[in-house]
PDB file of N, CA and C in Angstrom:
ATOM      1  N   MET A   1       0.815  -1.111  -0.001  1.00  0.00           N
ATOM      2  CA  MET A   1      -0.066   0.037   0.033  1.00  0.00           C
ATOM      3  C   MET A   1       0.886   1.214  -0.011  1.00  0.00           C
ATOM      4  N   GLY A   2       0.628   2.157  -0.893  1.00  0.00           N
ATOM      5  CA  GLY A   2       1.410   3.422  -1.051  1.00  0.00           C
ATOM      6  C   GLY A   2       2.738   3.308  -1.610  1.00  0.00           C
ATOM      7  N   LYS A   3       3.121   2.047  -2.134  1.00  0.00           N
ATOM      8  CA  LYS A   3       4.408   1.831  -2.662  1.00  0.00           C
ATOM      9  C   LYS A   3       4.375   2.272  -4.265  1.00  0.00           C
ATOM     10  N   ARG A   4       5.462   2.840  -4.678  1.00  0.00           N
ATOM     11  CA  ARG A   4       5.615   3.145  -6.134  1.00  0.00           C
ATOM     12  C   ARG A   4       6.086   2.066  -6.980  1.00  0.00           C
ATOM     13  N   ARG A   5       5.585   1.852  -8.033  1.00  0.00           N
ATOM     14  CA  ARG A   5       6.017   0.908  -8.844  1.00  0.00           C
ATOM     15  C   ARG A   5       7.446   1.245  -9.401  1.00  0.00           C
ATOM     16  N   GLY A   6       8.195   0.402  -9.668  1.00  0.00           N
ATOM     17  CA  GLY A   6       9.583   0.661 -10.200  1.00  0.00           C
ATOM     18  C   GLY A   6      10.548   1.076  -9.059  1.00  0.00           C
ATOM     19  N   GLY A   7       9.984   1.417  -7.935  1.00  0.00           N
ATOM     20  CA  GLY A   7      10.812   1.869  -6.861  1.00  0.00           C
ATOM     21  C   GLY A   7      11.728   2.937  -7.092  1.00  0.00           C
ATOM     22  N   GLY A   8      12.019   3.642  -6.071  1.00  0.00           N
ATOM     23  CA  GLY A   8      13.091   4.670  -6.186  1.00  0.00           C
ATOM     24  C   GLY A   8      12.579   6.032  -6.610  1.00  0.00           C
ATOM     25  N   ALA A   9      13.380   7.002  -6.621  1.00  0.00           N
ATOM     26  CA  ALA A   9      13.018   8.411  -6.940  1.00  0.00           C
ATOM     27  C   ALA A   9      12.984   8.581  -8.391  1.00  0.00           C
ATOM     28  N   PRO A  10      12.302   9.515  -8.940  1.00  0.00           N
ATOM     29  CA  PRO A  10      12.201   9.751 -10.422  1.00  0.00           C
ATOM     30  C   PRO A  10      13.613  10.133 -10.882  1.00  0.00           C
ATOM     31  N   PRO A  11      13.887   9.904 -12.226  1.00  0.00           N
ATOM     32  CA  PRO A  11      15.221  10.154 -12.697  1.00  0.00           C
ATOM     33  C   PRO A  11      15.427  11.653 -12.649  1.00  0.00           C
ATOM     34  N   PRO A  12      16.652  12.089 -12.444  1.00  0.00           N
ATOM     35  CA  PRO A  12      17.038  13.542 -12.339  1.00  0.00           C
ATOM     36  C   PRO A  12      16.828  14.261 -13.760  1.00  0.00           C
ATOM     37  N   SER A  13      16.450  15.442 -13.674  1.00  0.00           N
ATOM     38  CA  SER A  13      16.307  16.115 -14.963  1.00  0.00           C
ATOM     39  C   SER A  13      17.717  16.540 -15.522  1.00  0.00           C
ATOM     40  N   PRO A  14      17.893  16.584 -16.847  1.00  0.00           N
ATOM     41  CA  PRO A  14      19.139  16.885 -17.402  1.00  0.00           C
ATOM     42  C   PRO A  14      19.575  18.253 -16.977  1.00  0.00           C
ATOM     43  N   PRO A  15      20.948  18.499 -16.887  1.00  0.00           N
ATOM     44  CA  PRO A  15      21.426  19.808 -16.540  1.00  0.00           C
ATOM     45  C   PRO A  15      21.140  20.781 -17.554  1.00  0.00           C
ATOM     46  N   ARG A  16      20.867  22.068 -17.150  1.00  0.00           N
ATOM     47  CA  ARG A  16      20.582  23.112 -18.065  1.00  0.00           C
ATOM     48  C   ARG A  16      21.870  23.598 -18.638  1.00  0.00           C
ATOM     49  N   PRO A  17      21.909  24.053 -19.924  1.00  0.00           N
ATOM     50  CA  PRO A  17      23.210  24.632 -20.344  1.00  0.00           C
ATOM     51  C   PRO A  17      23.414  25.998 -19.800  1.00  0.00           C
ATOM     52  N   PRO A  18      24.735  26.385 -19.468  1.00  0.00           N
ATOM     53  CA  PRO A  18      24.994  27.713 -18.975  1.00  0.00           C
ATOM     54  C   PRO A  18      24.672  28.748 -19.827  1.00  0.00           C
ATOM     55  N   LEU A  19      24.334  29.899 -19.327  1.00  0.00           N
ATOM     56  CA  LEU A  19      24.053  31.104 -20.196  1.00  0.00           C
ATOM     57  C   LEU A  19      25.419  31.440 -20.803  1.00  0.00           C
ATOM     58  N   SER A  20      25.445  31.829 -22.075  1.00  0.00           N
ATOM     59  CA  SER A  20      26.609  32.273 -22.645  1.00  0.00           C
ATOM     60  C   SER A  20      26.967  33.773 -22.363  1.00  0.00           C
ATOM     61  N   PRO A  21      28.228  34.205 -22.244  1.00  0.00           N
ATOM     62  CA  PRO A  21      28.552  35.663 -22.022  1.00  0.00           C
ATOM     63  C   PRO A  21      27.841  36.514 -23.021  1.00  0.00           C
ATOM     64  N   ALA A  22      27.721  36.121 -24.230  1.00  0.00           N
ATOM     65  CA  ALA A  22      26.981  36.925 -25.267  1.00  0.00           C
ATOM     66  C   ALA A  22      25.595  37.268 -24.870  1.00  0.00           C
ATOM     67  N   TRP A  23      24.960  36.321 -24.211  1.00  0.00           N
ATOM     68  CA  TRP A  23      23.538  36.532 -23.730  1.00  0.00           C
ATOM     69  C   TRP A  23      23.571  37.451 -22.645  1.00  0.00           C
ATOM     70  N   LEU A  24      24.539  37.315 -21.632  1.00  0.00           N
ATOM     71  CA  LEU A  24      24.499  38.146 -20.512  1.00  0.00           C
ATOM     72  C   LEU A  24      24.992  39.501 -20.734  1.00  0.00           C
ATOM     73  N   HIS A  25      25.857  39.723 -21.657  1.00  0.00           N
ATOM     74  CA  HIS A  25      26.346  41.094 -21.883  1.00  0.00           C
ATOM     75  C   HIS A  25      26.315  41.433 -23.349  1.00  0.00           C
ATOM     76  N   GLY A  26      25.411  40.981 -24.042  1.00  0.00           N
ATOM     77  CA  GLY A  26      25.262  41.227 -25.506  1.00  0.00           C
ATOM     78  C   GLY A  26      24.339  42.450 -25.765  1.00  0.00           C
ATOM     79  N   SER A  27      24.012  42.467 -26.973  1.00  0.00           N
ATOM     80  CA  SER A  27      23.103  43.599 -27.439  1.00  0.00           C
ATOM     81  C   SER A  27      21.737  43.583 -26.713  1.00  0.00           C
ATOM     82  N   PRO A  28      21.128  44.707 -26.556  1.00  0.00           N
ATOM     83  CA  PRO A  28      19.880  44.606 -25.908  1.00  0.00           C
ATOM     84  C   PRO A  28      18.817  43.761 -26.771  1.00  0.00           C
ATOM     85  N   SER A  29      17.745  43.235 -26.130  1.00  0.00           N
ATOM     86  CA  SER A  29      16.742  42.521 -26.962  1.00  0.00           C
ATOM     87  C   SER A  29      16.067  43.529 -27.848  1.00  0.00           C
ATOM     88  N   PRO A  30      16.042  43.317 -29.121  1.00  0.00           N
ATOM     89  CA  PRO A  30      15.217  44.138 -30.086  1.00  0.00           C
ATOM     90  C   PRO A  30      13.856  44.289 -29.657  1.00  0.00           C
ATOM     91  N   ALA A  31      13.113  43.179 -29.083  1.00  0.00           N
ATOM     92  CA  ALA A  31      11.867  43.301 -28.581  1.00  0.00           C
ATOM     93  C   ALA A  31      11.597  44.228 -27.489  1.00  0.00           C
ATOM     94  N   GLN A  32      12.557  44.311 -26.609  1.00  0.00           N
ATOM     95  CA  GLN A  32      12.498  45.292 -25.528  1.00  0.00           C
ATOM     96  C   GLN A  32      12.587  46.713 -26.016  1.00  0.00           C
ATOM     97  N   VAL A  33      13.498  46.974 -26.920  1.00  0.00           N
ATOM     98  CA  VAL A  33      13.541  48.406 -27.537  1.00  0.00           C
ATOM     99  C   VAL A  33      12.323  48.642 -28.262  1.00  0.00           C
ATOM    100  N   ARG A  34      11.761  47.691 -29.032  1.00  0.00           N
ATOM    101  CA  ARG A  34      10.496  47.967 -29.789  1.00  0.00           C
ATOM    102  C   ARG A  34       9.339  48.205 -28.947  1.00  0.00           C
ATOM    103  N   ARG A  35       9.332  47.430 -27.842  1.00  0.00           N
ATOM    104  CA  ARG A  35       8.220  47.617 -26.813  1.00  0.00           C
ATOM    105  C   ARG A  35       8.293  48.965 -26.125  1.00  0.00           C
ATOM    106  N   ALA A  36       9.569  49.319 -25.880  1.00  0.00           N
ATOM    107  CA  ALA A  36       9.735  50.691 -25.300  1.00  0.00           C
ATOM    108  C   ALA A  36       9.149  51.812 -26.160  1.00  0.00           C
ATOM    109  N   ALA A  37       9.566  51.583 -27.421  1.00  0.00           N
ATOM    110  CA  ALA A  37       9.117  52.632 -28.485  1.00  0.00           C
ATOM    111  C   ALA A  37       7.532  52.667 -28.514  1.00  0.00           C
ATOM    112  N   LEU A  38       6.935  51.434 -28.557  1.00  0.00           N
ATOM    113  CA  LEU A  38       5.432  51.368 -28.510  1.00  0.00           C
ATOM    114  C   LEU A  38       4.856  52.038 -27.267  1.00  0.00           C
ATOM    115  N   HIS A  39       5.505  51.857 -26.134  1.00  0.00           N
ATOM    116  CA  HIS A  39       4.953  52.450 -24.943  1.00  0.00           C
ATOM    117  C   HIS A  39       5.128  53.998 -25.076  1.00  0.00           C
ATOM    118  N   LEU A  40       6.165  54.452 -25.625  1.00  0.00           N
ATOM    119  CA  LEU A  40       6.354  55.898 -25.722  1.00  0.00           C
ATOM    120  C   LEU A  40       5.317  56.442 -26.713  1.00  0.00           C
ATOM    121  N   LYS A  41       5.109  55.816 -27.830  1.00  0.00           N
ATOM    122  CA  LYS A  41       4.098  56.186 -28.777  1.00  0.00           C
ATOM    123  C   LYS A  41       2.674  56.333 -28.305  1.00  0.00           C
ATOM    124  N   ALA A  42       2.449  55.302 -27.319  1.00  0.00           N
ATOM    125  CA  ALA A  42       1.123  55.242 -26.732  1.00  0.00           C
ATOM    126  C   ALA A  42       0.945  56.066 -25.527  1.00  0.00           C
ATOM    127  N   GLY A  43       2.039  56.768 -25.193  1.00  0.00           N
ATOM    128  CA  GLY A  43       1.958  57.699 -23.937  1.00  0.00           C
ATOM    129  C   GLY A  43       2.211  56.965 -22.621  1.00  0.00           C
ATOM    130  N   ASP A  44       2.439  55.728 -22.622  1.00  0.00           N
ATOM    131  CA  ASP A  44       2.824  54.952 -21.363  1.00  0.00           C
ATOM    132  C   ASP A  44       4.312  55.182 -21.013  1.00  0.00           C
ATOM    133  N   LEU A  45       4.559  56.372 -20.553  1.00  0.00           N
ATOM    134  CA  LEU A  45       5.889  56.847 -20.435  1.00  0.00           C
ATOM    135  C   LEU A  45       6.776  56.069 -19.272  1.00  0.00           C
ATOM    136  N   TYR A  46       6.000  55.758 -18.165  1.00  0.00           N
ATOM    137  CA  TYR A  46       6.766  55.080 -17.157  1.00  0.00           C
ATOM    138  C   TYR A  46       7.200  53.573 -17.618  1.00  0.00           C
ATOM    139  N   GLU A  47       6.265  52.960 -18.482  1.00  0.00           N
ATOM    140  CA  GLU A  47       6.455  51.674 -18.990  1.00  0.00           C
ATOM    141  C   GLU A  47       7.668  51.736 -20.015  1.00  0.00           C
ATOM    142  N   CYS A  48       7.694  52.815 -20.766  1.00  0.00           N
ATOM    143  CA  CYS A  48       8.861  53.028 -21.739  1.00  0.00           C
ATOM    144  C   CYS A  48      10.101  53.140 -20.936  1.00  0.00           C
ATOM    145  N   VAL A  49      10.200  53.895 -19.868  1.00  0.00           N
ATOM    146  CA  VAL A  49      11.437  54.025 -19.068  1.00  0.00           C
ATOM    147  C   VAL A  49      11.830  52.779 -18.463  1.00  0.00           C
ATOM    148  N   ALA A  50      10.897  51.927 -18.041  1.00  0.00           N
ATOM    149  CA  ALA A  50      11.259  50.590 -17.611  1.00  0.00           C
ATOM    150  C   ALA A  50      11.811  49.717 -18.605  1.00  0.00           C
ATOM    151  N   ASP A  51      11.183  49.646 -19.745  1.00  0.00           N
ATOM    152  CA  ASP A  51      11.674  48.697 -20.814  1.00  0.00           C
ATOM    153  C   ASP A  51      12.950  49.069 -21.288  1.00  0.00           C
ATOM    154  N   ALA A  52      13.112  50.404 -21.598  1.00  0.00           N
ATOM    155  CA  ALA A  52      14.386  51.031 -22.098  1.00  0.00           C
ATOM    156  C   ALA A  52      15.450  50.785 -21.098  1.00  0.00           C
ATOM    157  N   GLY A  53      15.161  50.905 -19.763  1.00  0.00           N
ATOM    158  CA  GLY A  53      16.104  50.582 -18.755  1.00  0.00           C
ATOM    159  C   GLY A  53      16.633  49.167 -18.736  1.00  0.00           C
ATOM    160  N   ARG A  54      15.704  48.260 -18.960  1.00  0.00           N
ATOM    161  CA  ARG A  54      16.107  46.889 -19.052  1.00  0.00           C
ATOM    162  C   ARG A  54      16.982  46.551 -20.243  1.00  0.00           C
ATOM    163  N   ALA A  55      16.775  47.283 -21.395  1.00  0.00           N
ATOM    164  CA  ALA A  55      17.488  47.057 -22.542  1.00  0.00           C
ATOM    165  C   ALA A  55      18.921  47.634 -22.329  1.00  0.00           C
ATOM    166  N   ILE A  56      19.110  48.825 -21.714  1.00  0.00           N
ATOM    167  CA  ILE A  56      20.271  49.445 -21.419  1.00  0.00           C
ATOM    168  C   ILE A  56      21.096  48.594 -20.453  1.00  0.00           C
ATOM    169  N   LYS A  57      20.467  47.962 -19.433  1.00  0.00           N
ATOM    170  CA  LYS A  57      21.147  47.057 -18.517  1.00  0.00           C
ATOM    171  C   LYS A  57      21.649  45.847 -19.216  1.00  0.00           C
ATOM    172  N   LEU A  58      20.910  45.168 -20.056  1.00  0.00           N
ATOM    173  CA  LEU A  58      21.357  43.999 -20.712  1.00  0.00           C
ATOM    174  C   LEU A  58      22.551  44.445 -21.689  1.00  0.00           C
ATOM    175  N   ALA A  59      22.521  45.569 -22.321  1.00  0.00           N
ATOM    176  CA  ALA A  59      23.604  46.076 -23.210  1.00  0.00           C
ATOM    177  C   ALA A  59      24.738  46.637 -22.566  1.00  0.00           C
ATOM    178  N   ASP A  60      24.872  46.640 -21.250  1.00  0.00           N
ATOM    179  CA  ASP A  60      25.923  47.226 -20.597  1.00  0.00           C
ATOM    180  C   ASP A  60      26.259  48.689 -20.971  1.00  0.00           C
ATOM    181  N   SER A  61      25.154  49.485 -21.108  1.00  0.00           N
ATOM    182  CA  SER A  61      24.987  50.868 -21.294  1.00  0.00           C
ATOM    183  C   SER A  61      25.399  51.338 -22.719  1.00  0.00           C
ATOM    184  N   ASP A  62      25.435  50.440 -23.771  1.00  0.00           N
ATOM    185  CA  ASP A  62      25.684  50.882 -24.971  1.00  0.00           C
ATOM    186  C   ASP A  62      24.554  50.661 -25.998  1.00  0.00           C
ATOM    187  N   ALA A  63      23.289  50.760 -25.514  1.00  0.00           N
ATOM    188  CA  ALA A  63      22.165  50.639 -26.187  1.00  0.00           C
ATOM    189  C   ALA A  63      21.726  51.990 -26.729  1.00  0.00           C
ATOM    190  N   ILE A  64      22.080  52.383 -27.907  1.00  0.00           N
ATOM    191  CA  ILE A  64      21.860  53.847 -28.395  1.00  0.00           C
ATOM    192  C   ILE A  64      20.303  54.127 -28.478  1.00  0.00           C
ATOM    193  N   ASP A  65      19.586  53.168 -29.128  1.00  0.00           N
ATOM    194  CA  ASP A  65      18.161  53.489 -29.343  1.00  0.00           C
ATOM    195  C   ASP A  65      17.526  53.546 -27.902  1.00  0.00           C
ATOM    196  N   ALA A  66      17.801  52.643 -27.068  1.00  0.00           N
ATOM    197  CA  ALA A  66      17.206  52.543 -25.678  1.00  0.00           C
ATOM    198  C   ALA A  66      17.458  53.876 -24.975  1.00  0.00           C
ATOM    199  N   LEU A  67      18.682  54.353 -25.053  1.00  0.00           N
ATOM    200  CA  LEU A  67      19.162  55.527 -24.314  1.00  0.00           C
ATOM    201  C   LEU A  67      18.249  56.731 -24.883  1.00  0.00           C
ATOM    202  N   ASN A  68      18.209  56.806 -26.226  1.00  0.00           N
ATOM    203  CA  ASN A  68      17.321  57.858 -26.831  1.00  0.00           C
ATOM    204  C   ASN A  68      15.832  57.790 -26.356  1.00  0.00           C
ATOM    205  N   LEU A  69      15.280  56.540 -26.436  1.00  0.00           N
ATOM    206  CA  LEU A  69      13.923  56.483 -25.968  1.00  0.00           C
ATOM    207  C   LEU A  69      13.695  56.889 -24.644  1.00  0.00           C
ATOM    208  N   ARG A  70      14.525  56.425 -23.728  1.00  0.00           N
ATOM    209  CA  ARG A  70      14.438  56.691 -22.280  1.00  0.00           C
ATOM    210  C   ARG A  70      14.584  58.261 -22.163  1.00  0.00           C
ATOM    211  N   GLY A  71      15.522  58.820 -22.835  1.00  0.00           N
ATOM    212  CA  GLY A  71      15.496  60.249 -22.767  1.00  0.00           C
ATOM    213  C   GLY A  71      14.372  61.064 -23.164  1.00  0.00           C
ATOM    214  N   GLN A  72      13.678  60.524 -24.213  1.00  0.00           N
ATOM    215  CA  GLN A  72      12.381  61.157 -24.696  1.00  0.00           C
ATOM    216  C   GLN A  72      11.271  60.915 -23.658  1.00  0.00           C
ATOM    217  N   ALA A  73      11.200  59.734 -23.037  1.00  0.00           N
ATOM    218  CA  ALA A  73      10.164  59.515 -22.039  1.00  0.00           C
ATOM    219  C   ALA A  73      10.461  60.493 -20.834  1.00  0.00           C
ATOM    220  N   TYR A  74      11.650  60.521 -20.394  1.00  0.00           N
ATOM    221  CA  TYR A  74      11.951  61.391 -19.287  1.00  0.00           C
ATOM    222  C   TYR A  74      11.675  62.887 -19.608  1.00  0.00           C
ATOM    223  N   TYR A  75      11.946  63.299 -20.802  1.00  0.00           N
ATOM    224  CA  TYR A  75      11.621  64.707 -21.161  1.00  0.00           C
ATOM    225  C   TYR A  75      10.164  64.891 -21.140  1.00  0.00           C
ATOM    226  N   ARG A  76       9.309  63.947 -21.699  1.00  0.00           N
ATOM    227  CA  ARG A  76       7.868  64.135 -21.680  1.00  0.00           C
ATOM    228  C   ARG A  76       7.291  64.175 -20.274  1.00  0.00           C
ATOM    229  N   LEU A  77       8.023  63.401 -19.415  1.00  0.00           N
ATOM    230  CA  LEU A  77       7.564  63.347 -17.921  1.00  0.00           C
ATOM    231  C   LEU A  77       7.995  64.614 -17.194  1.00  0.00           C
ATOM    232  N   GLY A  78       8.762  65.488 -17.819  1.00  0.00           N
ATOM    233  CA  GLY A  78       9.108  66.692 -17.245  1.00  0.00           C
ATOM    234  C   GLY A  78      10.456  66.619 -16.503  1.00  0.00           C
ATOM    235  N   GLU A  79      10.962  65.400 -16.592  1.00  0.00           N
ATOM    236  CA  GLU A  79      12.493  65.170 -15.953  1.00  0.00           C
ATOM    237  C   GLU A  79      13.488  65.581 -16.811  1.00  0.00           C
ATOM    238  N   HIS A  80      13.633  66.783 -17.033  1.00  0.00           N
ATOM    239  CA  HIS A  80      14.621  67.266 -18.124  1.00  0.00           C
ATOM    240  C   HIS A  80      16.023  66.882 -17.963  1.00  0.00           C
ATOM    241  N   GLU A  81      16.343  67.018 -16.630  1.00  0.00           N
ATOM    242  CA  GLU A  81      17.728  66.625 -16.264  1.00  0.00           C
ATOM    243  C   GLU A  81      18.087  65.183 -16.555  1.00  0.00           C
ATOM    244  N   MET A  82      17.184  64.356 -16.174  1.00  0.00           N
ATOM    245  CA  MET A  82      17.320  62.903 -16.496  1.00  0.00           C
ATOM    246  C   MET A  82      17.303  62.615 -17.946  1.00  0.00           C
ATOM    247  N   ALA A  83      16.578  63.362 -18.740  1.00  0.00           N
ATOM    248  CA  ALA A  83      16.552  63.215 -20.225  1.00  0.00           C
ATOM    249  C   ALA A  83      17.890  63.575 -20.765  1.00  0.00           C
ATOM    250  N   LEU A  84      18.430  64.749 -20.245  1.00  0.00           N
ATOM    251  CA  LEU A  84      19.752  65.128 -20.693  1.00  0.00           C
ATOM    252  C   LEU A  84      20.879  64.100 -20.329  1.00  0.00           C
ATOM    253  N   ASN A  85      20.700  63.584 -19.202  1.00  0.00           N
ATOM    254  CA  ASN A  85      21.798  62.592 -18.813  1.00  0.00           C
ATOM    255  C   ASN A  85      21.790  61.307 -19.700  1.00  0.00           C
ATOM    256  N   HIS A  86      20.553  60.855 -20.129  1.00  0.00           N
ATOM    257  CA  HIS A  86      20.540  59.824 -21.017  1.00  0.00           C
ATOM    258  C   HIS A  86      21.058  60.240 -22.466  1.00  0.00           C
ATOM    259  N   TRP A  87      20.592  61.428 -22.932  1.00  0.00           N
ATOM    260  CA  TRP A  87      21.138  61.838 -24.297  1.00  0.00           C
ATOM    261  C   TRP A  87      22.585  62.110 -24.342  1.00  0.00           C
ATOM    262  N   ARG A  88      23.170  62.525 -23.257  1.00  0.00           N
ATOM    263  CA  ARG A  88      24.614  62.716 -23.248  1.00  0.00           C
ATOM    264  C   ARG A  88      25.392  61.427 -23.377  1.00  0.00           C
ATOM    265  N   LYS A  89      24.703  60.351 -22.991  1.00  0.00           N
ATOM    266  CA  LYS A  89      25.456  59.082 -23.074  1.00  0.00           C
ATOM    267  C   LYS A  89      25.527  58.414 -24.558  1.00  0.00           C
ATOM    268  N   VAL A  90      24.607  59.015 -25.469  1.00  0.00           N
ATOM    269  CA  VAL A  90      24.500  58.422 -26.766  1.00  0.00           C
ATOM    270  C   VAL A  90      25.838  58.591 -27.524  1.00  0.00           C
ATOM    271  N   PRO A  91      26.457  59.753 -27.616  1.00  0.00           N
ATOM    272  CA  PRO A  91      27.735  59.856 -28.366  1.00  0.00           C
ATOM    273  C   PRO A  91      28.824  58.862 -27.837  1.00  0.00           C
ATOM    274  N   GLN A  92      28.779  58.666 -26.412  1.00  0.00           N
ATOM    275  CA  GLN A  92      29.780  57.654 -25.855  1.00  0.00           C
ATOM    276  C   GLN A  92      29.413  56.315 -26.324  1.00  0.00           C
ATOM    277  N   ALA A  93      28.181  55.975 -26.403  1.00  0.00           N
ATOM    278  CA  ALA A  93      27.814  54.600 -26.656  1.00  0.00           C
ATOM    279  C   ALA A  93      28.012  54.418 -28.188  1.00  0.00           C
ATOM    280  N   LYS A  94      27.942  55.439 -29.090  1.00  0.00           N
ATOM    281  CA  LYS A  94      28.152  55.324 -30.479  1.00  0.00           C
ATOM    282  C   LYS A  94      29.749  54.985 -30.601  1.00  0.00           C
ATOM    283  N   LYS A  95      30.532  55.769 -29.903  1.00  0.00           N
ATOM    284  CA  LYS A  95      32.030  55.525 -29.972  1.00  0.00           C
ATOM    285  C   LYS A  95      32.378  54.047 -29.502  1.00  0.00           C
ATOM    286  N   LYS A  96      31.656  53.599 -28.397  1.00  0.00           N
ATOM    287  CA  LYS A  96      31.962  52.298 -27.962  1.00  0.00           C
ATOM    288  C   LYS A  96      31.580  51.235 -28.896  1.00  0.00           C
ATOM    289  N   LYS A  97      30.394  51.494 -29.490  1.00  0.00           N
ATOM    290  CA  LYS A  97      29.891  50.451 -30.582  1.00  0.00           C
ATOM    291  C   LYS A  97      30.810  50.413 -31.778  1.00  0.00           C
ATOM    292  N   LYS A  98      31.305  51.610 -32.178  1.00  0.00           N
ATOM    293  CA  LYS A  98      32.228  51.666 -33.325  1.00  0.00           C
ATOM    294  C   LYS A  98      33.602  50.975 -33.004  1.00  0.00           C
ATOM    295  N   ARG A  99      34.108  51.170 -31.832  1.00  0.00           N
ATOM    296  CA  ARG A  99      35.366  50.495 -31.427  1.00  0.00           C
ATOM    297  C   ARG A  99      35.102  48.975 -31.358  1.00  0.00           C
ATOM    298  N   ALA A 100      33.959  48.561 -30.838  1.00  0.00           N
ATOM    299  CA  ALA A 100      33.636  47.072 -30.745  1.00  0.00           C
ATOM    300  C   ALA A 100      33.503  46.477 -32.196  1.00  0.00           C
ATOM    301  N   SER A 101      33.054  47.148 -33.056  1.00  0.00           N
ATOM    302  CA  SER A 101      32.895  46.632 -34.551  1.00  0.00           C
ATOM    303  C   SER A 101      34.157  46.588 -35.259  1.00  0.00           C
ATOM    304  N   GLN A 102      35.232  47.319 -34.864  1.00  0.00           N
ATOM    305  CA  GLN A 102      36.438  47.330 -35.644  1.00  0.00           C
ATOM    306  C   GLN A 102      37.272  45.943 -35.256  1.00  0.00           C
ATOM    307  N   PRO A 103      37.857  45.479 -36.298  1.00  0.00           N
ATOM    308  CA  PRO A 103      38.679  44.255 -36.099  1.00  0.00           C
ATOM    309  C   PRO A 103      39.898  44.560 -35.168  1.00  0.00           C
ATOM    310  N   ALA A 104      40.221  43.588 -34.296  1.00  0.00           N
ATOM    311  CA  ALA A 104      41.440  43.824 -33.460  1.00  0.00           C
ATOM    312  C   ALA A 104      42.659  43.663 -34.362  1.00  0.00           C
ATOM    313  N   THR A 105      43.677  44.484 -34.015  1.00  0.00           N
ATOM    314  CA  THR A 105      44.900  44.401 -34.800  1.00  0.00           C
ATOM    315  C   THR A 105      46.042  44.048 -33.795  1.00  0.00           C
ATOM    316  N   LEU A 106      46.925  43.282 -34.280  1.00  0.00           N
ATOM    317  CA  LEU A 106      48.036  42.811 -33.518  1.00  0.00           C
ATOM    318  C   LEU A 106      49.232  43.791 -33.721  1.00  0.00           C
ATOM    319  N   PRO A 107      50.015  44.106 -32.582  1.00  0.00           N
ATOM    320  CA  PRO A 107      51.196  44.941 -32.889  1.00  0.00           C
ATOM    321  C   PRO A 107      52.190  44.240 -33.662  1.00  0.00           C
ATOM    322  N   PRO A 108      52.968  45.061 -34.390  1.00  0.00           N
ATOM    323  CA  PRO A 108      54.067  44.390 -35.259  1.00  0.00           C
ATOM    324  C   PRO A 108      55.128  43.674 -34.438  1.00  0.00           C
ATOM    325  N   SER A 109      55.661  42.646 -34.900  1.00  0.00           N
ATOM    326  CA  SER A 109      56.538  41.783 -34.165  1.00  0.00           C
ATOM    327  C   SER A 109      57.922  42.077 -34.559  1.00  0.00           C
TER     328      SER A 109
END
């Protein structure tokens, strides 16, 4: 009574593959940036700020579109200093993105 057939515990589940560094520190999710843009267009400014912030965090602060969207949302909320802070980061992010896209060169031997 109350015994399981086959006896013993259920088989262990297979191990999950580790997250790759590209996923952890890669480019922002295009869906998050699009969703932030849709929130901005619909007037859901706080949602835009939240989604753009998640995209910036995933991109390690080099999400140009997300920085711009977040700046626009803050501006419309009347948070002009926060908007300027985000817009000032855009040129830095562009330089960072440009450097990352250039191939690495080895020094002459």
